[in-house]
PDB file of N, CA and C in Angstrom:
ATOM      1  N   MET A   1       5.001  12.201  -9.939  1.00  0.00           N
ATOM      2  CA  MET A   1       4.169  12.624  -8.606  1.00  0.00           C
ATOM      3  C   MET A   1       2.660  12.836 -10.210  1.00  0.00           C
ATOM      4  N   THR A   2       1.410  12.255  -9.833  1.00  0.00           N
ATOM      5  CA  THR A   2      -0.064  12.569 -10.506  1.00  0.00           C
ATOM      6  C   THR A   2      -0.382  13.534  -9.725  1.00  0.00           C
ATOM      7  N   THR A   3      -1.587  13.754 -10.122  1.00  0.00           N
ATOM      8  CA  THR A   3      -2.468  14.960 -10.098  1.00  0.00           C
ATOM      9  C   THR A   3      -3.002  14.243  -8.480  1.00  0.00           C
ATOM     10  N   LEU A   4      -3.353  13.202  -8.503  1.00  0.00           N
ATOM     11  CA  LEU A   4      -3.928  12.586  -7.366  1.00  0.00           C
ATOM     12  C   LEU A   4      -2.957  12.299  -6.252  1.00  0.00           C
ATOM     13  N   ASP A   5      -1.468  12.372  -6.523  1.00  0.00           N
ATOM     14  CA  ASP A   5      -0.876  11.995  -5.426  1.00  0.00           C
ATOM     15  C   ASP A   5      -0.687  13.680  -4.749  1.00  0.00           C
ATOM     16  N   ASP A   6      -0.657  15.214  -5.769  1.00  0.00           N
ATOM     17  CA  ASP A   6      -0.689  16.321  -5.409  1.00  0.00           C
ATOM     18  C   ASP A   6      -1.751  16.294  -4.716  1.00  0.00           C
ATOM     19  N   VAL A   7      -2.984  16.136  -4.900  1.00  0.00           N
ATOM     20  CA  VAL A   7      -4.257  15.980  -3.940  1.00  0.00           C
ATOM     21  C   VAL A   7      -4.185  15.921  -2.823  1.00  0.00           C
ATOM     22  N   TYR A   8      -3.939  14.558  -2.735  1.00  0.00           N
ATOM     23  CA  TYR A   8      -3.293  13.621  -1.042  1.00  0.00           C
ATOM     24  C   TYR A   8      -2.423  14.239  -0.453  1.00  0.00           C
ATOM     25  N   ALA A   9      -1.387  14.901  -1.310  1.00  0.00           N
ATOM     26  CA  ALA A   9      -0.309  15.180  -0.028  1.00  0.00           C
ATOM     27  C   ALA A   9      -1.144  16.935   0.454  1.00  0.00           C
ATOM     28  N   SER A  10      -1.793  17.773  -0.314  1.00  0.00           N
ATOM     29  CA  SER A  10      -2.589  18.632   0.402  1.00  0.00           C
ATOM     30  C   SER A  10      -3.489  17.984   1.665  1.00  0.00           C
ATOM     31  N   LEU A  11      -4.182  17.020   1.343  1.00  0.00           N
ATOM     32  CA  LEU A  11      -5.305  16.891   2.183  1.00  0.00           C
ATOM     33  C   LEU A  11      -4.314  16.252   3.149  1.00  0.00           C
ATOM     34  N   ALA A  12      -3.392  16.002   3.375  1.00  0.00           N
ATOM     35  CA  ALA A  12      -2.373  15.398   3.956  1.00  0.00           C
ATOM     36  C   ALA A  12      -1.908  16.081   5.327  1.00  0.00           C
ATOM     37  N   ALA A  13      -1.647  17.033   4.420  1.00  0.00           N
ATOM     38  CA  ALA A  13      -1.031  18.685   5.306  1.00  0.00           C
ATOM     39  C   ALA A  13      -2.362  19.261   5.664  1.00  0.00           C
ATOM     40  N   ASN A  14      -3.266  18.771   5.530  1.00  0.00           N
ATOM     41  CA  ASN A  14      -4.547  19.643   5.869  1.00  0.00           C
ATOM     42  C   ASN A  14      -5.484  18.771   6.765  1.00  0.00           C
ATOM     43  N   ALA A  15      -5.654  17.813   6.931  1.00  0.00           N
ATOM     44  CA  ALA A  15      -6.530  16.687   7.264  1.00  0.00           C
ATOM     45  C   ALA A  15      -7.906  17.234   7.766  1.00  0.00           C
ATOM     46  N   ASP A  16      -7.991  18.297   8.363  1.00  0.00           N
ATOM     47  CA  ASP A  16      -8.876  18.848   9.183  1.00  0.00           C
ATOM     48  C   ASP A  16      -9.758  19.599   8.602  1.00  0.00           C
ATOM     49  N   ASP A  17      -9.237  19.764   7.130  1.00  0.00           N
ATOM     50  CA  ASP A  17     -10.096  20.672   6.131  1.00  0.00           C
ATOM     51  C   ASP A  17     -10.905  19.982   5.483  1.00  0.00           C
ATOM     52  N   ALA A  18     -12.510  20.138   5.570  1.00  0.00           N
ATOM     53  CA  ALA A  18     -13.725  19.233   4.757  1.00  0.00           C
ATOM     54  C   ALA A  18     -13.099  19.444   3.192  1.00  0.00           C
ATOM     55  N   ALA A  19     -12.544  20.577   3.191  1.00  0.00           N
ATOM     56  CA  ALA A  19     -12.566  21.279   1.425  1.00  0.00           C
ATOM     57  C   ALA A  19     -12.018  20.347   0.542  1.00  0.00           C
ATOM     58  N   ARG A  20     -10.566  19.890   1.625  1.00  0.00           N
ATOM     59  CA  ARG A  20     -10.050  19.360   1.055  1.00  0.00           C
ATOM     60  C   ARG A  20     -10.176  17.337   0.669  1.00  0.00           C
ATOM     61  N   HIS A  21     -11.044  16.888   1.891  1.00  0.00           N
ATOM     62  CA  HIS A  21     -11.150  15.670   1.759  1.00  0.00           C
ATOM     63  C   HIS A  21     -12.283  15.669   0.479  1.00  0.00           C
ATOM     64  N   GLY A  22     -13.038  16.834   0.309  1.00  0.00           N
ATOM     65  CA  GLY A  22     -13.617  16.687  -0.850  1.00  0.00           C
ATOM     66  C   GLY A  22     -13.184  16.659  -1.952  1.00  0.00           C
ATOM     67  N   GLN A  23     -11.714  17.237  -2.213  1.00  0.00           N
ATOM     68  CA  GLN A  23     -10.866  17.606  -3.371  1.00  0.00           C
ATOM     69  C   GLN A  23     -10.693  16.202  -3.840  1.00  0.00           C
ATOM     70  N   PHE A  24     -10.180  15.683  -2.799  1.00  0.00           N
ATOM     71  CA  PHE A  24      -9.534  14.257  -2.620  1.00  0.00           C
ATOM     72  C   PHE A  24     -10.464  13.727  -3.445  1.00  0.00           C
ATOM     73  N   TYR A  25     -11.527  12.898  -2.905  1.00  0.00           N
ATOM     74  CA  TYR A  25     -12.559  11.971  -2.985  1.00  0.00           C
ATOM     75  C   TYR A  25     -12.664  12.664  -4.644  1.00  0.00           C
ATOM     76  N   GLY A  26     -13.064  13.782  -5.316  1.00  0.00           N
ATOM     77  CA  GLY A  26     -13.462  14.500  -6.538  1.00  0.00           C
ATOM     78  C   GLY A  26     -12.351  13.777  -7.690  1.00  0.00           C
ATOM     79  N   GLN A  27     -11.407  14.402  -6.843  1.00  0.00           N
ATOM     80  CA  GLN A  27      -9.958  13.751  -8.135  1.00  0.00           C
ATOM     81  C   GLN A  27      -9.868  11.908  -7.767  1.00  0.00           C
ATOM     82  N   VAL A  28     -10.285  11.211  -7.381  1.00  0.00           N
ATOM     83  CA  VAL A  28     -10.330   9.687  -7.348  1.00  0.00           C
ATOM     84  C   VAL A  28     -11.528   9.547  -8.245  1.00  0.00           C
ATOM     85  N   ALA A  29     -12.478  10.450  -7.942  1.00  0.00           N
ATOM     86  CA  ALA A  29     -13.603   9.989  -9.058  1.00  0.00           C
ATOM     87  C   ALA A  29     -13.418  10.182 -10.777  1.00  0.00           C
ATOM     88  N   ALA A  30     -12.605  11.074 -11.111  1.00  0.00           N
ATOM     89  CA  ALA A  30     -12.041  11.840 -12.176  1.00  0.00           C
ATOM     90  C   ALA A  30     -10.983  11.074 -12.686  1.00  0.00           C
ATOM     91  N   THR A  31     -10.232  10.121 -11.929  1.00  0.00           N
ATOM     92  CA  THR A  31      -9.087   9.716 -12.104  1.00  0.00           C
ATOM     93  C   THR A  31      -9.364   8.481 -12.767  1.00  0.00           C
ATOM     94  N   GLU A  32      -8.612   7.970 -14.345  1.00  0.00           N
ATOM     95  CA  GLU A  32      -8.760   6.734 -14.639  1.00  0.00           C
ATOM     96  C   GLU A  32      -7.785   5.645 -13.503  1.00  0.00           C
ATOM     97  N   LEU A  33      -8.259   4.512 -13.031  1.00  0.00           N
ATOM     98  CA  LEU A  33      -7.881   3.872 -12.516  1.00  0.00           C
ATOM     99  C   LEU A  33      -7.701   2.311 -12.879  1.00  0.00           C
ATOM    100  N   LEU A  34      -6.375   1.596 -12.742  1.00  0.00           N
ATOM    101  CA  LEU A  34      -6.609   0.163 -13.053  1.00  0.00           C
ATOM    102  C   LEU A  34      -6.789  -0.222 -11.930  1.00  0.00           C
ATOM    103  N   LEU A  35      -7.965  -1.222 -12.326  1.00  0.00           N
ATOM    104  CA  LEU A  35      -8.613  -2.126 -10.977  1.00  0.00           C
ATOM    105  C   LEU A  35      -7.986  -3.729 -11.657  1.00  0.00           C
ATOM    106  N   VAL A  36      -7.239  -4.056 -10.800  1.00  0.00           N
ATOM    107  CA  VAL A  36      -6.412  -5.493 -10.351  1.00  0.00           C
ATOM    108  C   VAL A  36      -7.882  -6.443 -10.500  1.00  0.00           C
ATOM    109  N   LEU A  37      -7.455  -7.491 -11.595  1.00  0.00           N
ATOM    110  CA  LEU A  37      -8.414  -8.192 -11.280  1.00  0.00           C
ATOM    111  C   LEU A  37      -8.194  -9.881 -11.274  1.00  0.00           C
ATOM    112  N   ASP A  38      -9.232 -10.472 -11.028  1.00  0.00           N
ATOM    113  CA  ASP A  38      -8.552 -12.214 -10.229  1.00  0.00           C
ATOM    114  C   ASP A  38      -8.802 -12.976 -11.996  1.00  0.00           C
ATOM    115  N   ALA A  39     -10.031 -12.394 -12.520  1.00  0.00           N
ATOM    116  CA  ALA A  39      -9.720 -13.125 -14.386  1.00  0.00           C
ATOM    117  C   ALA A  39      -9.778 -12.475 -15.185  1.00  0.00           C
ATOM    118  N   PRO A  40      -9.541 -12.348 -16.540  1.00  0.00           N
ATOM    119  CA  PRO A  40      -9.481 -11.500 -17.879  1.00  0.00           C
ATOM    120  C   PRO A  40     -11.406 -10.816 -17.428  1.00  0.00           C
ATOM    121  N   ALA A  41     -11.743  -9.508 -18.139  1.00  0.00           N
ATOM    122  CA  ALA A  41     -12.718  -9.130 -17.739  1.00  0.00           C
ATOM    123  C   ALA A  41     -13.320  -9.681 -19.357  1.00  0.00           C
ATOM    124  N   GLY A  42     -14.844 -10.033 -18.844  1.00  0.00           N
ATOM    125  CA  GLY A  42     -15.563 -10.536 -19.878  1.00  0.00           C
ATOM    126  C   GLY A  42     -16.479  -9.010 -20.824  1.00  0.00           C
ATOM    127  N   GLU A  43     -17.659  -9.607 -21.707  1.00  0.00           N
ATOM    128  CA  GLU A  43     -17.658  -8.649 -22.743  1.00  0.00           C
ATOM    129  C   GLU A  43     -18.331  -7.287 -21.675  1.00  0.00           C
ATOM    130  N   ALA A  44     -18.919  -7.954 -20.328  1.00  0.00           N
ATOM    131  CA  ALA A  44     -20.063  -7.191 -19.362  1.00  0.00           C
ATOM    132  C   ALA A  44     -19.837  -7.412 -18.020  1.00  0.00           C
ATOM    133  N   SER A  45     -18.392  -7.760 -17.388  1.00  0.00           N
ATOM    134  CA  SER A  45     -18.208  -7.673 -16.385  1.00  0.00           C
ATOM    135  C   SER A  45     -16.993  -7.936 -15.611  1.00  0.00           C
ATOM    136  N   VAL A  46     -16.382  -7.200 -15.059  1.00  0.00           N
ATOM    137  CA  VAL A  46     -15.309  -7.598 -13.710  1.00  0.00           C
ATOM    138  C   VAL A  46     -14.768  -8.511 -13.306  1.00  0.00           C
ATOM    139  N   LYS A  47     -14.051  -9.506 -12.983  1.00  0.00           N
ATOM    140  CA  LYS A  47     -13.643  -9.986 -11.422  1.00  0.00           C
ATOM    141  C   LYS A  47     -12.606  -9.482 -10.576  1.00  0.00           C
ATOM    142  N   PRO A  48     -12.978  -8.223  -9.570  1.00  0.00           N
ATOM    143  CA  PRO A  48     -11.752  -7.558  -9.183  1.00  0.00           C
ATOM    144  C   PRO A  48     -10.928  -8.654  -8.304  1.00  0.00           C
ATOM    145  N   LEU A  49      -9.218  -8.721  -8.058  1.00  0.00           N
ATOM    146  CA  LEU A  49      -8.677  -9.836  -7.440  1.00  0.00           C
ATOM    147  C   LEU A  49      -9.527  -8.843  -6.023  1.00  0.00           C
ATOM    148  N   VAL A  50      -9.503  -9.925  -4.872  1.00  0.00           N
ATOM    149  CA  VAL A  50      -9.613  -9.245  -3.765  1.00  0.00           C
ATOM    150  C   VAL A  50      -8.694  -9.915  -2.562  1.00  0.00           C
ATOM    151  N   LEU A  51      -8.244  -8.884  -1.738  1.00  0.00           N
ATOM    152  CA  LEU A  51      -7.431  -9.183  -0.861  1.00  0.00           C
ATOM    153  C   LEU A  51      -8.016  -9.012   0.850  1.00  0.00           C
ATOM    154  N   THR A  52      -7.482 -10.053   1.591  1.00  0.00           N
ATOM    155  CA  THR A  52      -7.509  -9.730   2.788  1.00  0.00           C
ATOM    156  C   THR A  52      -6.643  -9.167   3.440  1.00  0.00           C
ATOM    157  N   ALA A  53      -6.949  -7.500   4.240  1.00  0.00           N
ATOM    158  CA  ALA A  53      -5.933  -7.105   4.670  1.00  0.00           C
ATOM    159  C   ALA A  53      -6.024  -6.574   6.059  1.00  0.00           C
ATOM    160  N   GLY A  54      -5.900  -7.731   6.770  1.00  0.00           N
ATOM    161  CA  GLY A  54      -6.403  -7.230   8.432  1.00  0.00           C
ATOM    162  C   GLY A  54      -7.970  -7.707   8.464  1.00  0.00           C
ATOM    163  N   GLU A  55      -8.945  -6.987   9.291  1.00  0.00           N
ATOM    164  CA  GLU A  55     -10.172  -7.615   9.256  1.00  0.00           C
ATOM    165  C   GLU A  55     -11.325  -7.523   7.746  1.00  0.00           C
ATOM    166  N   GLU A  56     -10.079  -6.837   6.827  1.00  0.00           N
ATOM    167  CA  GLU A  56     -11.130  -5.800   5.770  1.00  0.00           C
ATOM    168  C   GLU A  56     -10.993  -6.628   3.847  1.00  0.00           C
ATOM    169  N   GLU A  57     -11.899  -6.802   3.676  1.00  0.00           N
ATOM    170  CA  GLU A  57     -11.504  -7.011   2.488  1.00  0.00           C
ATOM    171  C   GLU A  57     -11.467  -6.033   1.311  1.00  0.00           C
ATOM    172  N   VAL A  58     -10.145  -5.889   0.670  1.00  0.00           N
ATOM    173  CA  VAL A  58      -9.966  -5.138   0.082  1.00  0.00           C
ATOM    174  C   VAL A  58      -9.149  -5.700  -1.872  1.00  0.00           C
ATOM    175  N   VAL A  59     -10.374  -4.482  -2.498  1.00  0.00           N
ATOM    176  CA  VAL A  59      -9.763  -4.684  -4.012  1.00  0.00           C
ATOM    177  C   VAL A  59      -8.542  -3.726  -4.134  1.00  0.00           C
ATOM    178  N   LEU A  60      -7.471  -3.720  -5.171  1.00  0.00           N
ATOM    179  CA  LEU A  60      -6.647  -2.885  -5.796  1.00  0.00           C
ATOM    180  C   LEU A  60      -6.622  -2.367  -6.761  1.00  0.00           C
ATOM    181  N   ALA A  61      -6.280  -0.918  -7.191  1.00  0.00           N
ATOM    182  CA  ALA A  61      -6.644  -0.212  -7.700  1.00  0.00           C
ATOM    183  C   ALA A  61      -5.575   0.943  -7.951  1.00  0.00           C
ATOM    184  N   PHE A  62      -4.724   1.297  -9.115  1.00  0.00           N
ATOM    185  CA  PHE A  62      -3.597   1.941  -8.796  1.00  0.00           C
ATOM    186  C   PHE A  62      -3.818   3.086 -10.184  1.00  0.00           C
ATOM    187  N   ASP A  63      -2.599   4.416  -9.814  1.00  0.00           N
ATOM    188  CA  ASP A  63      -3.199   5.569 -11.431  1.00  0.00           C
ATOM    189  C   ASP A  63      -1.881   5.062 -11.905  1.00  0.00           C
ATOM    190  N   THR A  64      -1.556   4.632 -11.774  1.00  0.00           N
ATOM    191  CA  THR A  64       0.017   3.870 -12.981  1.00  0.00           C
ATOM    192  C   THR A  64       0.305   2.835 -13.083  1.00  0.00           C
ATOM    193  N   ALA A  65       0.396   2.444 -14.058  1.00  0.00           N
ATOM    194  CA  ALA A  65       0.993   0.925 -14.099  1.00  0.00           C
ATOM    195  C   ALA A  65       2.135   0.694 -13.689  1.00  0.00           C
ATOM    196  N   GLU A  66       3.103   1.775 -13.849  1.00  0.00           N
ATOM    197  CA  GLU A  66       4.147   1.621 -12.671  1.00  0.00           C
ATOM    198  C   GLU A  66       4.093   1.171 -11.686  1.00  0.00           C
ATOM    199  N   ARG A  67       3.223   1.826 -11.118  1.00  0.00           N
ATOM    200  CA  ARG A  67       3.091   1.683  -9.208  1.00  0.00           C
ATOM    201  C   ARG A  67       2.211  -0.239  -9.308  1.00  0.00           C
ATOM    202  N   MET A  68       1.151  -0.295 -10.104  1.00  0.00           N
ATOM    203  CA  MET A  68       0.755  -1.831  -9.982  1.00  0.00           C
ATOM    204  C   MET A  68       1.523  -2.965  -9.720  1.00  0.00           C
ATOM    205  N   ALA A  69       2.551  -2.769 -11.019  1.00  0.00           N
ATOM    206  CA  ALA A  69       3.647  -3.319 -11.155  1.00  0.00           C
ATOM    207  C   ALA A  69       4.661  -3.656 -10.208  1.00  0.00           C
ATOM    208  N   SER A  70       4.676  -2.455  -9.611  1.00  0.00           N
ATOM    209  CA  SER A  70       5.968  -2.236  -8.487  1.00  0.00           C
ATOM    210  C   SER A  70       5.236  -3.235  -7.464  1.00  0.00           C
ATOM    211  N   PHE A  71       3.909  -2.912  -7.090  1.00  0.00           N
ATOM    212  CA  PHE A  71       3.350  -3.669  -5.903  1.00  0.00           C
ATOM    213  C   PHE A  71       2.812  -5.099  -6.244  1.00  0.00           C
ATOM    214  N   LEU A  72       2.885  -5.400  -6.953  1.00  0.00           N
ATOM    215  CA  LEU A  72       2.309  -6.941  -7.647  1.00  0.00           C
ATOM    216  C   LEU A  72       3.187  -7.588  -7.916  1.00  0.00           C
ATOM    217  N   GLY A  73       4.317  -6.977  -8.502  1.00  0.00           N
ATOM    218  CA  GLY A  73       5.709  -7.783  -8.630  1.00  0.00           C
ATOM    219  C   GLY A  73       5.368  -9.366 -10.113  1.00  0.00           C
ATOM    220  N   ARG A  74       4.513  -8.532 -10.759  1.00  0.00           N
ATOM    221  CA  ARG A  74       4.328  -9.570 -11.967  1.00  0.00           C
ATOM    222  C   ARG A  74       3.005  -8.618 -12.791  1.00  0.00           C
ATOM    223  N   THR A  75       2.790  -9.290 -13.666  1.00  0.00           N
ATOM    224  CA  THR A  75       2.026  -9.124 -14.467  1.00  0.00           C
ATOM    225  C   THR A  75       0.788  -9.629 -13.890  1.00  0.00           C
ATOM    226  N   ALA A  76      -0.475  -8.528 -13.923  1.00  0.00           N
ATOM    227  CA  ALA A  76      -1.627  -9.356 -13.699  1.00  0.00           C
ATOM    228  C   ALA A  76      -2.894  -8.675 -15.257  1.00  0.00           C
ATOM    229  N   GLU A  77      -3.816  -9.283 -14.800  1.00  0.00           N
ATOM    230  CA  GLU A  77      -5.417  -8.677 -15.861  1.00  0.00           C
ATOM    231  C   GLU A  77      -5.744  -7.438 -14.993  1.00  0.00           C
ATOM    232  N   TYR A  78      -5.825  -6.362 -16.007  1.00  0.00           N
ATOM    233  CA  TYR A  78      -6.929  -5.423 -15.044  1.00  0.00           C
ATOM    234  C   TYR A  78      -7.710  -4.704 -16.179  1.00  0.00           C
ATOM    235  N   ALA A  79      -8.143  -3.761 -15.589  1.00  0.00           N
ATOM    236  CA  ALA A  79      -9.104  -2.991 -16.066  1.00  0.00           C
ATOM    237  C   ALA A  79      -9.203  -1.229 -15.769  1.00  0.00           C
ATOM    238  N   SER A  80      -8.843  -0.855 -16.973  1.00  0.00           N
ATOM    239  CA  SER A  80      -9.180   1.171 -16.810  1.00  0.00           C
ATOM    240  C   SER A  80     -10.404   1.360 -16.497  1.00  0.00           C
ATOM    241  N   LEU A  81     -10.355   1.902 -15.728  1.00  0.00           N
ATOM    242  CA  LEU A  81     -11.925   2.505 -15.069  1.00  0.00           C
ATOM    243  C   LEU A  81     -12.065   3.376 -14.710  1.00  0.00           C
ATOM    244  N   PRO A  82     -12.671   4.639 -14.694  1.00  0.00           N
ATOM    245  CA  PRO A  82     -13.153   6.280 -13.712  1.00  0.00           C
ATOM    246  C   PRO A  82     -13.406   5.515 -12.291  1.00  0.00           C
ATOM    247  N   GLY A  83     -12.284   6.278 -11.315  1.00  0.00           N
ATOM    248  CA  GLY A  83     -12.189   5.869 -10.221  1.00  0.00           C
ATOM    249  C   GLY A  83     -14.001   5.762  -9.711  1.00  0.00           C
ATOM    250  N   ARG A  84     -14.942   6.952 -10.516  1.00  0.00           N
ATOM    251  CA  ARG A  84     -15.610   6.788 -10.328  1.00  0.00           C
ATOM    252  C   ARG A  84     -16.473   5.533  -9.906  1.00  0.00           C
ATOM    253  N   THR A  85     -16.573   4.980 -11.439  1.00  0.00           N
ATOM    254  CA  THR A  85     -17.543   3.235 -11.534  1.00  0.00           C
ATOM    255  C   THR A  85     -16.425   2.518 -10.478  1.00  0.00           C
ATOM    256  N   ILE A  86     -15.088   2.370 -10.246  1.00  0.00           N
ATOM    257  CA  ILE A  86     -14.756   1.320  -9.109  1.00  0.00           C
ATOM    258  C   ILE A  86     -15.625   1.807  -8.042  1.00  0.00           C
ATOM    259  N   VAL A  87     -15.931   3.064  -7.300  1.00  0.00           N
ATOM    260  CA  VAL A  87     -16.618   3.325  -6.220  1.00  0.00           C
ATOM    261  C   VAL A  87     -17.971   2.748  -6.243  1.00  0.00           C
ATOM    262  N   GLU A  88     -18.477   3.195  -7.366  1.00  0.00           N
ATOM    263  CA  GLU A  88     -20.157   2.460  -7.430  1.00  0.00           C
ATOM    264  C   GLU A  88     -19.735   0.790  -7.580  1.00  0.00           C
ATOM    265  N   MET A  89     -19.307  -0.192  -8.097  1.00  0.00           N
ATOM    266  CA  MET A  89     -19.162  -1.102  -7.960  1.00  0.00           C
ATOM    267  C   MET A  89     -19.202  -1.676  -6.953  1.00  0.00           C
ATOM    268  N   LEU A  90     -17.916  -1.221  -6.269  1.00  0.00           N
ATOM    269  CA  LEU A  90     -18.172  -1.476  -4.728  1.00  0.00           C
ATOM    270  C   LEU A  90     -19.268  -1.010  -3.303  1.00  0.00           C
ATOM    271  N   GLN A  91     -20.047  -0.174  -3.886  1.00  0.00           N
ATOM    272  CA  GLN A  91     -21.245   0.318  -2.945  1.00  0.00           C
ATOM    273  C   GLN A  91     -21.766  -1.130  -2.756  1.00  0.00           C
ATOM    274  N   GLY A  92     -22.354  -1.230  -1.057  1.00  0.00           N
ATOM    275  CA  GLY A  92     -22.955  -2.687  -0.831  1.00  0.00           C
ATOM    276  C   GLY A  92     -22.185  -3.442  -0.626  1.00  0.00           C
ATOM    277  N   SER A  93     -20.956  -4.080  -1.306  1.00  0.00           N
ATOM    278  CA  SER A  93     -20.515  -4.993  -1.413  1.00  0.00           C
ATOM    279  C   SER A  93     -19.380  -5.939   0.023  1.00  0.00           C
ATOM    280  N   GLY A  94     -19.163  -4.839   0.517  1.00  0.00           N
ATOM    281  CA  GLY A  94     -18.415  -5.048   1.466  1.00  0.00           C
ATOM    282  C   GLY A  94     -16.723  -5.028   1.415  1.00  0.00           C
ATOM    283  N   LEU A  95     -16.618  -4.809   0.285  1.00  0.00           N
ATOM    284  CA  LEU A  95     -15.328  -4.667  -0.194  1.00  0.00           C
ATOM    285  C   LEU A  95     -15.050  -3.264   0.000  1.00  0.00           C
ATOM    286  N   THR A  96     -13.591  -2.643   0.637  1.00  0.00           N
ATOM    287  CA  THR A  96     -12.875  -1.743   0.461  1.00  0.00           C
ATOM    288  C   THR A  96     -11.937  -1.353  -0.891  1.00  0.00           C
ATOM    289  N   LEU A  97     -11.729   0.115  -1.049  1.00  0.00           N
ATOM    290  CA  LEU A  97     -10.891  -0.252  -2.276  1.00  0.00           C
ATOM    291  C   LEU A  97      -9.539   0.519  -1.657  1.00  0.00           C
ATOM    292  N   GLY A  98      -8.577  -0.334  -2.021  1.00  0.00           N
ATOM    293  CA  GLY A  98      -7.044  -0.140  -1.874  1.00  0.00           C
ATOM    294  C   GLY A  98      -6.277   0.588  -2.920  1.00  0.00           C
ATOM    295  N   LEU A  99      -5.723   1.948  -2.737  1.00  0.00           N
ATOM    296  CA  LEU A  99      -5.666   2.954  -3.661  1.00  0.00           C
ATOM    297  C   LEU A  99      -4.360   3.161  -3.618  1.00  0.00           C
ATOM    298  N   ASN A 100      -3.619   2.784  -4.666  1.00  0.00           N
ATOM    299  CA  ASN A 100      -2.151   3.106  -4.640  1.00  0.00           C
ATOM    300  C   ASN A 100      -1.318   2.331  -3.687  1.00  0.00           C
ATOM    301  N   PHE A 101      -1.579   1.368  -2.905  1.00  0.00           N
ATOM    302  CA  PHE A 101      -0.680   0.262  -2.218  1.00  0.00           C
ATOM    303  C   PHE A 101       1.117   0.332  -2.794  1.00  0.00           C
ATOM    304  N   GLU A 102       1.216   0.074  -2.317  1.00  0.00           N
ATOM    305  CA  GLU A 102       2.951   0.266  -1.736  1.00  0.00           C
ATOM    306  C   GLU A 102       3.926  -0.949  -1.351  1.00  0.00           C
ATOM    307  N   ALA A 103       4.594  -1.466  -2.238  1.00  0.00           N
ATOM    308  CA  ALA A 103       5.843  -2.834  -1.754  1.00  0.00           C
ATOM    309  C   ALA A 103       6.348  -2.407  -0.280  1.00  0.00           C
TER     310      ALA A 103
END
């Protein structure tokens, strides 16, 4: 289990606790995440892979390479970025962050 797993488990057990929500989002912001890319990263840009889940467009990020490989079932291009950076990239884009999807 990762630190992010621990904080999420605490949130899930105390879903009505606003402080737990803050701790979870703070941990997401501080965690180095692997953002799955649609193409190799350029010198100053990345193009995340966008999937459709229901009515939402989702970009995928994982906190471990093992989780990413397990979900995708293949190798993939990715960028290792702080969660904070990924969230900032997504603001106003209409895209949702899919974190640690499982197969």
